[in-house]
Amino acid sequence: MSPAAHMSSPDAPHLPVLIDAILDHVPASGTWVDGTFGAGGYTRALLEAGVERVIAIDRDPLAHEMAENWAGSYQDRLIQRSGTFSDMAALSEGFLPVDGVVLDLGVSSMQLDQAERGFSFLRDGPLDMRMGQQGISAAELVNSASEPLLADILFQYGEERASRRIARAIIAARPLTTTLELADVILACLPKSKPGQSHPATRSFQAIRIAVNDEFGELIKGLEAAEQVLRPGGHLAVVTFHSLEDRIVKRFIQSRAGKSGGGSRHAPATQEVAASLIPVTRRAVTATEAELERNPRSRSAKLRVAQRTGAPALEGRARLGLPKLVGKELI
């Protein structure tokens, strides 16, 4: 039975996207960090495949609560930590360096399925969207941010072409307190979607969620942390779900492999820096037809894998394709 098939059992409804592809490219051994524990799909698949230990990190308290009924079966092979994957070095203290790091980016199905979490435009609930249930909520953001900032968030983080029109409509409709209120405002600004197209509010909800949780800032810090904690020969596997995330991951790996043409323009032309990561996948790996049929969520997923070298971790974030809003105050 494949790892993905194992994860489809009734007590583990979450299907880890591209897990078979990950296990095709990495050895299932040693200690791994699952930086996006969620419903436990990747952690359980790695442990079942032969990984000795997984340090499972998630900032969402619900993720750890949901694992209570099965985590004990793995005893000391599963170590749960509350926090963000950008802090994986501190959260993995005592087990470093590690043999692998896996990151499954974006919102999880368990978060979308809970209306009270405010992630879904299909279920009415409070406008929240906080993965860790701390910091500013989506309601605070849409009700306090200026029109130019809202438009920038929608365009930079959601690639929404009608960002200015939607931002004006949000300002006019404030205050907004529920997900369906916000979805209705967005729907009124856009043409009705055709069969097979995504919901018109998809890009805007994605953008607001990314802003609320600082997902791109966390991604960069998480990639840098993975570079720090991996042993020579260890592997980094990252699954992304939209082009902005994939571009950041791709360019980060390229920059660490010395293929981005980066480095300071003030540095001598003869200066050479040893690569700290080597790409294992030449291009992004996507789901097979069999996986698409089994798990529609995998349709937009892309996997990139890199291997750590023995060279020192590098520094610098030039040419990573970061949206201009990263690091800016939201309200």
Protein backbone atom coordinates (compact mmCIF):
# COMPACT_ATOMS: atom_id res chain seq x y z
CA MET A 1 0.00 0.00 0.00
CA SER A 2 1.39 3.42 -0.95
CA PRO A 3 1.86 6.09 1.74
CA ALA A 4 -0.90 8.18 0.21
CA ALA A 5 -3.29 5.25 0.23
CA HIS A 6 -2.46 4.60 3.87
CA MET A 7 -3.40 8.18 4.73
CA SER A 8 -6.88 7.85 3.27
CA SER A 9 -8.12 5.75 6.18
CA PRO A 10 -11.19 7.03 8.07
CA ASP A 11 -9.16 8.21 11.08
CA ALA A 12 -6.84 10.20 8.82
CA PRO A 13 -8.99 11.96 6.22
CA HIS A 14 -6.26 14.35 5.09
CA LEU A 15 -4.47 13.21 1.93
CA PRO A 16 -0.91 14.58 1.88
CA VAL A 17 -0.38 16.09 -1.55
CA LEU A 18 2.51 14.70 -3.63
CA ILE A 19 3.73 12.51 -0.75
CA ASP A 20 4.57 9.63 -3.12
CA ALA A 21 6.62 12.03 -5.25
CA ILE A 22 8.44 13.26 -2.14
CA LEU A 23 9.29 9.71 -1.08
CA ASP A 24 10.49 8.97 -4.62
CA HIS A 25 13.11 11.74 -4.26
CA VAL A 26 14.24 11.46 -0.63
CA PRO A 27 15.37 8.64 1.68
CA ALA A 28 12.79 7.88 4.39
CA SER A 29 15.24 7.74 7.28
CA GLY A 30 16.62 9.76 10.17
CA THR A 31 14.92 12.76 11.79
CA TRP A 32 12.61 15.03 9.84
CA VAL A 33 10.88 18.34 10.54
CA ASP A 34 7.30 18.62 9.31
CA GLY A 35 6.94 22.38 9.46
CA THR A 36 3.25 22.35 8.53
CA PHE A 37 1.84 19.53 10.68
CA GLY A 38 -1.84 20.30 10.00
CA ALA A 39 -3.93 17.13 10.06
CA GLY A 40 -0.76 15.04 10.24
CA GLY A 41 -0.76 13.66 6.71
CA TYR A 42 2.93 14.14 5.92
CA THR A 43 4.07 13.22 9.41
CA ARG A 44 2.20 9.92 9.41
CA ALA A 45 3.26 9.05 5.87
CA LEU A 46 6.93 9.72 6.70
CA LEU A 47 6.76 7.64 9.88
CA GLU A 48 5.01 4.79 8.07
CA ALA A 49 7.65 4.93 5.31
CA GLY A 50 10.48 4.42 7.81
CA VAL A 51 11.57 7.83 9.09
CA GLU A 52 12.85 7.34 12.62
CA ARG A 53 11.46 10.55 14.11
CA VAL A 54 9.36 13.54 13.04
CA ILE A 55 9.32 16.90 14.79
CA ALA A 56 5.85 18.19 13.92
CA ILE A 57 5.42 21.97 14.04
CA ASP A 58 2.21 23.96 13.71
CA ARG A 59 1.04 27.32 15.04
CA ASP A 60 -2.60 26.23 14.95
CA PRO A 61 -3.64 24.75 18.33
CA LEU A 62 -6.32 22.72 16.54
CA ALA A 63 -3.66 20.72 14.69
CA HIS A 64 -2.22 19.42 17.95
CA GLU A 65 -5.65 18.81 19.47
CA MET A 66 -6.70 16.71 16.48
CA ALA A 67 -3.59 14.53 16.81
CA GLU A 68 -4.37 13.50 20.39
CA ASN A 69 -6.29 10.39 19.33
CA TRP A 70 -3.48 8.92 17.20
CA ALA A 71 -0.14 10.55 18.07
CA GLY A 72 0.47 8.22 21.02
CA SER A 73 0.75 5.20 18.74
CA TYR A 74 4.09 6.54 17.48
CA GLN A 75 5.42 7.10 21.03
CA ASP A 76 8.72 9.02 21.02
CA ARG A 77 8.98 8.89 17.22
CA LEU A 78 6.59 11.86 17.04
CA ILE A 79 7.48 15.10 18.80
CA GLN A 80 4.91 17.90 18.57
CA ARG A 81 5.88 21.55 18.85
CA SER A 82 3.66 24.65 18.85
CA GLY A 83 5.01 27.53 16.80
CA THR A 84 5.89 28.60 13.27
CA PHE A 85 8.25 26.76 10.97
CA SER A 86 10.43 29.86 10.77
CA ASP A 87 11.43 28.95 14.35
CA MET A 88 12.23 25.33 13.50
CA ALA A 89 15.82 25.61 14.76
CA ALA A 90 14.73 26.50 18.29
CA LEU A 91 11.77 24.10 18.18
CA SER A 92 14.06 21.23 17.09
CA GLU A 93 16.70 21.87 19.74
CA GLY A 94 18.28 18.64 20.91
CA PHE A 95 17.68 16.88 17.57
CA LEU A 96 19.85 18.95 15.25
CA PRO A 97 20.99 18.64 12.55
CA VAL A 98 18.04 16.92 10.87
CA ASP A 99 17.83 14.70 7.79
CA GLY A 100 14.87 16.37 6.15
CA VAL A 101 12.39 19.24 6.20
CA VAL A 102 8.98 19.14 4.54
CA LEU A 103 6.71 22.17 4.11
CA ASP A 104 3.16 22.02 2.73
CA LEU A 105 2.20 25.65 2.21
CA GLY A 106 -1.18 27.34 2.28
CA VAL A 107 -4.38 26.79 4.19
CA SER A 108 -5.36 23.28 5.25
CA SER A 109 -8.66 21.57 4.52
CA MET A 110 -9.44 21.31 8.24
CA GLN A 111 -9.21 25.11 8.51
CA LEU A 112 -11.42 25.64 5.46
CA ASP A 113 -13.99 23.19 6.79
CA GLN A 114 -14.51 25.10 10.04
CA ALA A 115 -16.74 28.09 9.39
CA GLU A 116 -15.79 29.67 12.71
CA ARG A 117 -12.18 30.02 11.55
CA GLY A 118 -13.24 32.45 8.82
CA PHE A 119 -11.11 31.07 5.97
CA SER A 120 -13.86 30.04 3.55
CA PHE A 121 -16.02 32.19 1.31
CA LEU A 122 -18.47 29.28 1.04
CA ARG A 123 -19.32 29.08 4.75
CA ASP A 124 -20.57 31.97 6.85
CA GLY A 125 -18.43 32.70 9.87
CA PRO A 126 -16.52 35.45 11.63
CA LEU A 127 -13.95 37.16 9.43
CA ASP A 128 -10.85 35.77 11.15
CA MET A 129 -8.36 33.76 8.99
CA ARG A 130 -5.65 33.62 11.68
CA MET A 131 -3.81 30.30 11.53
CA GLY A 132 -2.36 30.70 15.00
CA GLN A 133 -5.37 32.56 16.41
CA GLN A 134 -3.09 35.46 17.37
CA GLY A 135 -2.37 38.86 15.84
CA ILE A 136 -4.68 40.97 13.68
CA SER A 137 -7.73 39.26 12.21
CA ALA A 138 -9.05 39.58 8.67
CA ALA A 139 -11.88 41.74 10.03
CA GLU A 140 -9.41 44.16 11.61
CA LEU A 141 -7.46 44.32 8.37
CA VAL A 142 -10.36 44.96 5.97
CA ASN A 143 -12.02 47.43 8.35
CA SER A 144 -8.89 49.45 9.20
CA ALA A 145 -6.52 49.39 6.22
CA SER A 146 -6.54 52.26 3.75
CA GLU A 147 -7.94 51.82 0.28
CA PRO A 148 -4.50 51.93 -1.42
CA LEU A 149 -3.13 49.32 1.00
CA LEU A 150 -6.12 47.02 0.50
CA ALA A 151 -5.72 47.31 -3.27
CA ASP A 152 -2.01 46.52 -2.99
CA ILE A 153 -2.69 43.46 -0.82
CA LEU A 154 -5.26 42.11 -3.28
CA PHE A 155 -2.97 42.70 -6.26
CA GLN A 156 0.40 41.72 -4.77
CA TYR A 157 -0.74 38.70 -2.76
CA GLY A 158 -3.74 37.52 -4.78
CA GLU A 159 -2.83 38.68 -8.30
CA GLU A 160 -6.35 40.11 -8.46
CA ARG A 161 -6.68 42.38 -11.51
CA ALA A 162 -9.76 44.11 -10.13
CA SER A 163 -7.97 44.97 -6.88
CA ARG A 164 -8.74 48.70 -6.95
CA ARG A 165 -12.41 48.17 -7.70
CA ILE A 166 -12.74 45.62 -4.91
CA ALA A 167 -10.84 47.80 -2.43
CA ARG A 168 -13.20 50.73 -3.12
CA ALA A 169 -16.20 48.46 -2.60
CA ILE A 170 -14.81 47.14 0.69
CA ILE A 171 -14.26 50.67 1.97
CA ALA A 172 -17.83 51.62 1.02
CA ALA A 173 -19.31 48.53 2.71
CA ARG A 174 -17.37 48.72 5.98
CA PRO A 175 -17.71 47.50 8.63
CA LEU A 176 -17.58 43.88 7.48
CA THR A 177 -17.70 41.16 10.11
CA THR A 178 -18.44 37.85 8.36
CA THR A 179 -16.97 35.84 5.51
CA LEU A 180 -20.13 35.91 3.42
CA GLU A 181 -20.44 39.69 3.81
CA LEU A 182 -16.96 40.08 2.35
CA ALA A 183 -17.60 37.47 -0.34
CA ASP A 184 -20.79 39.27 -1.42
CA VAL A 185 -18.90 42.57 -1.77
CA ILE A 186 -16.27 40.89 -3.94
CA LEU A 187 -18.87 39.03 -6.03
CA ALA A 188 -20.62 42.30 -6.84
CA CYS A 189 -17.39 43.63 -8.36
CA LEU A 190 -16.64 40.71 -10.68
CA PRO A 191 -18.28 38.80 -13.53
CA LYS A 192 -19.95 35.53 -12.62
CA SER A 193 -17.51 32.64 -12.93
CA LYS A 194 -17.96 30.15 -15.76
CA PRO A 195 -18.22 26.38 -15.20
CA GLY A 196 -14.83 24.99 -14.22
CA GLN A 197 -13.47 28.38 -13.08
CA SER A 198 -12.58 29.14 -9.49
CA HIS A 199 -14.92 31.13 -7.27
CA PRO A 200 -14.59 34.90 -7.96
CA ALA A 201 -13.61 35.55 -4.32
CA THR A 202 -10.77 33.00 -4.34
CA ARG A 203 -7.94 35.42 -5.11
CA SER A 204 -9.11 38.11 -2.67
CA PHE A 205 -9.59 35.68 0.22
CA GLN A 206 -6.18 34.18 -0.53
CA ALA A 207 -4.56 37.62 -0.49
CA ILE A 208 -6.15 38.66 2.81
CA ARG A 209 -5.24 35.31 4.43
CA ILE A 210 -1.63 35.63 3.28
CA ALA A 211 -1.44 39.17 4.67
CA VAL A 212 -3.02 38.28 8.02
CA ASN A 213 -0.61 35.38 8.56
CA ASP A 214 2.48 36.99 6.95
CA GLU A 215 2.80 33.83 4.89
CA PHE A 216 5.46 35.07 2.48
CA GLY A 217 7.60 36.51 5.27
CA GLU A 218 7.28 33.22 7.15
CA LEU A 219 8.14 31.27 4.00
CA ILE A 220 11.42 33.10 3.47
CA LYS A 221 12.40 32.75 7.12
CA GLY A 222 11.36 29.10 7.02
CA LEU A 223 13.51 28.36 3.97
CA GLU A 224 16.46 30.05 5.65
CA ALA A 225 15.82 28.07 8.84
CA ALA A 226 15.70 24.81 6.88
CA GLU A 227 19.05 25.65 5.33
CA GLN A 228 20.44 26.09 8.86
CA VAL A 229 19.05 22.90 10.42
CA LEU A 230 19.70 20.37 7.63
CA ARG A 231 22.75 18.16 7.85
CA PRO A 232 24.99 17.75 4.78
CA GLY A 233 23.10 15.37 2.51
CA GLY A 234 19.74 16.21 4.09
CA HIS A 235 16.73 17.14 1.97
CA LEU A 236 14.29 20.04 1.75
CA ALA A 237 10.90 19.28 0.17
CA VAL A 238 8.40 22.11 -0.38
CA VAL A 239 4.86 21.79 -1.76
CA THR A 240 3.32 25.04 -3.01
CA PHE A 241 -0.17 25.84 -4.31
CA HIS A 242 0.17 29.05 -6.28
CA SER A 243 2.68 30.80 -8.49
CA LEU A 244 3.91 33.37 -5.97
CA GLU A 245 4.95 30.70 -3.45
CA ASP A 246 6.52 28.52 -6.12
CA ARG A 247 8.50 31.44 -7.52
CA ILE A 248 9.94 32.26 -4.10
CA VAL A 249 10.91 28.62 -3.44
CA LYS A 250 12.40 28.20 -6.92
CA ARG A 251 14.49 31.35 -6.68
CA PHE A 252 15.61 30.58 -3.14
CA ILE A 253 16.94 27.18 -4.20
CA GLN A 254 18.57 28.72 -7.27
CA SER A 255 20.22 31.42 -5.17
CA ARG A 256 21.65 28.82 -2.79
CA ALA A 257 22.83 26.71 -5.73
CA GLY A 258 24.65 29.68 -7.27
CA LYS A 259 22.36 29.76 -10.32
CA SER A 260 20.49 33.00 -9.79
CA GLY A 261 23.20 35.40 -10.85
CA GLY A 262 22.75 36.94 -7.41
CA GLY A 263 25.23 38.23 -4.92
CA SER A 264 26.10 41.82 -4.25
CA ARG A 265 26.87 43.99 -7.27
CA HIS A 266 29.65 45.48 -5.15
CA ALA A 267 31.40 42.11 -4.69
CA PRO A 268 34.45 41.32 -6.84
CA ALA A 269 33.59 39.56 -10.08
CA THR A 270 35.97 36.72 -9.24
CA GLN A 271 34.34 35.91 -5.90
CA GLU A 272 32.85 32.42 -5.76
CA VAL A 273 30.55 31.08 -3.04
CA ALA A 274 30.03 27.37 -2.50
CA ALA A 275 26.48 26.17 -3.05
CA SER A 276 24.58 25.32 0.13
CA LEU A 277 21.69 23.60 -1.70
CA ILE A 278 21.61 21.49 -4.85
CA PRO A 279 18.30 21.06 -6.73
CA VAL A 280 17.13 17.45 -6.80
CA THR A 281 14.12 18.15 -9.03
CA ARG A 282 15.13 19.99 -12.21
CA ARG A 283 11.66 21.51 -12.46
CA ALA A 284 8.56 21.49 -10.31
CA VAL A 285 6.91 18.07 -9.89
CA THR A 286 3.14 17.99 -10.33
CA ALA A 287 0.48 15.41 -9.53
CA THR A 288 -0.10 12.35 -11.68
CA GLU A 289 -3.51 11.65 -13.17
CA ALA A 290 -4.02 8.96 -10.53
CA GLU A 291 -3.40 11.43 -7.71
CA LEU A 292 -5.61 14.07 -9.32
CA GLU A 293 -8.45 11.58 -9.38
CA ARG A 294 -7.81 10.54 -5.77
CA ASN A 295 -7.19 14.05 -4.42
CA PRO A 296 -8.45 17.07 -6.44
CA ARG A 297 -6.60 19.40 -4.03
CA SER A 298 -3.37 18.35 -5.73
CA ARG A 299 -4.31 20.00 -9.04
CA SER A 300 -2.41 23.22 -8.40
CA ALA A 301 0.34 21.69 -6.26
CA LYS A 302 4.02 21.87 -7.19
CA LEU A 303 6.88 20.09 -5.44
CA ARG A 304 10.50 21.20 -5.36
CA VAL A 305 13.24 19.21 -3.62
CA ALA A 306 16.80 20.26 -2.84
CA GLN A 307 19.71 18.60 -1.05
CA ARG A 308 21.92 20.30 1.52
CA THR A 309 25.66 20.40 0.89
CA GLY A 310 28.43 20.72 3.46
CA ALA A 311 28.99 24.39 2.61
CA PRO A 312 28.05 27.10 5.12
CA ALA A 313 24.53 28.50 4.94
CA LEU A 314 24.34 31.55 2.70
CA GLU A 315 22.73 34.92 3.27
CA GLY A 316 20.78 37.36 1.17
CA ARG A 317 17.28 37.62 -0.28
CA ALA A 318 17.95 39.37 -3.58
CA ARG A 319 15.92 38.33 -6.62
CA LEU A 320 13.58 36.00 -4.77
CA GLY A 321 10.46 37.45 -6.36
CA LEU A 322 9.06 38.72 -3.07
CA PRO A 323 5.89 40.82 -3.34
CA LYS A 324 6.63 44.43 -2.44
CA LEU A 325 4.38 44.36 0.61
CA VAL A 326 6.48 41.81 2.52
CA GLY A 327 7.60 43.31 5.82
CA LYS A 328 5.26 46.32 5.72
CA GLU A 329 2.86 47.24 8.50
CA LEU A 330 -0.69 46.30 7.54
CA ILE A 331 -2.68 48.63 9.79
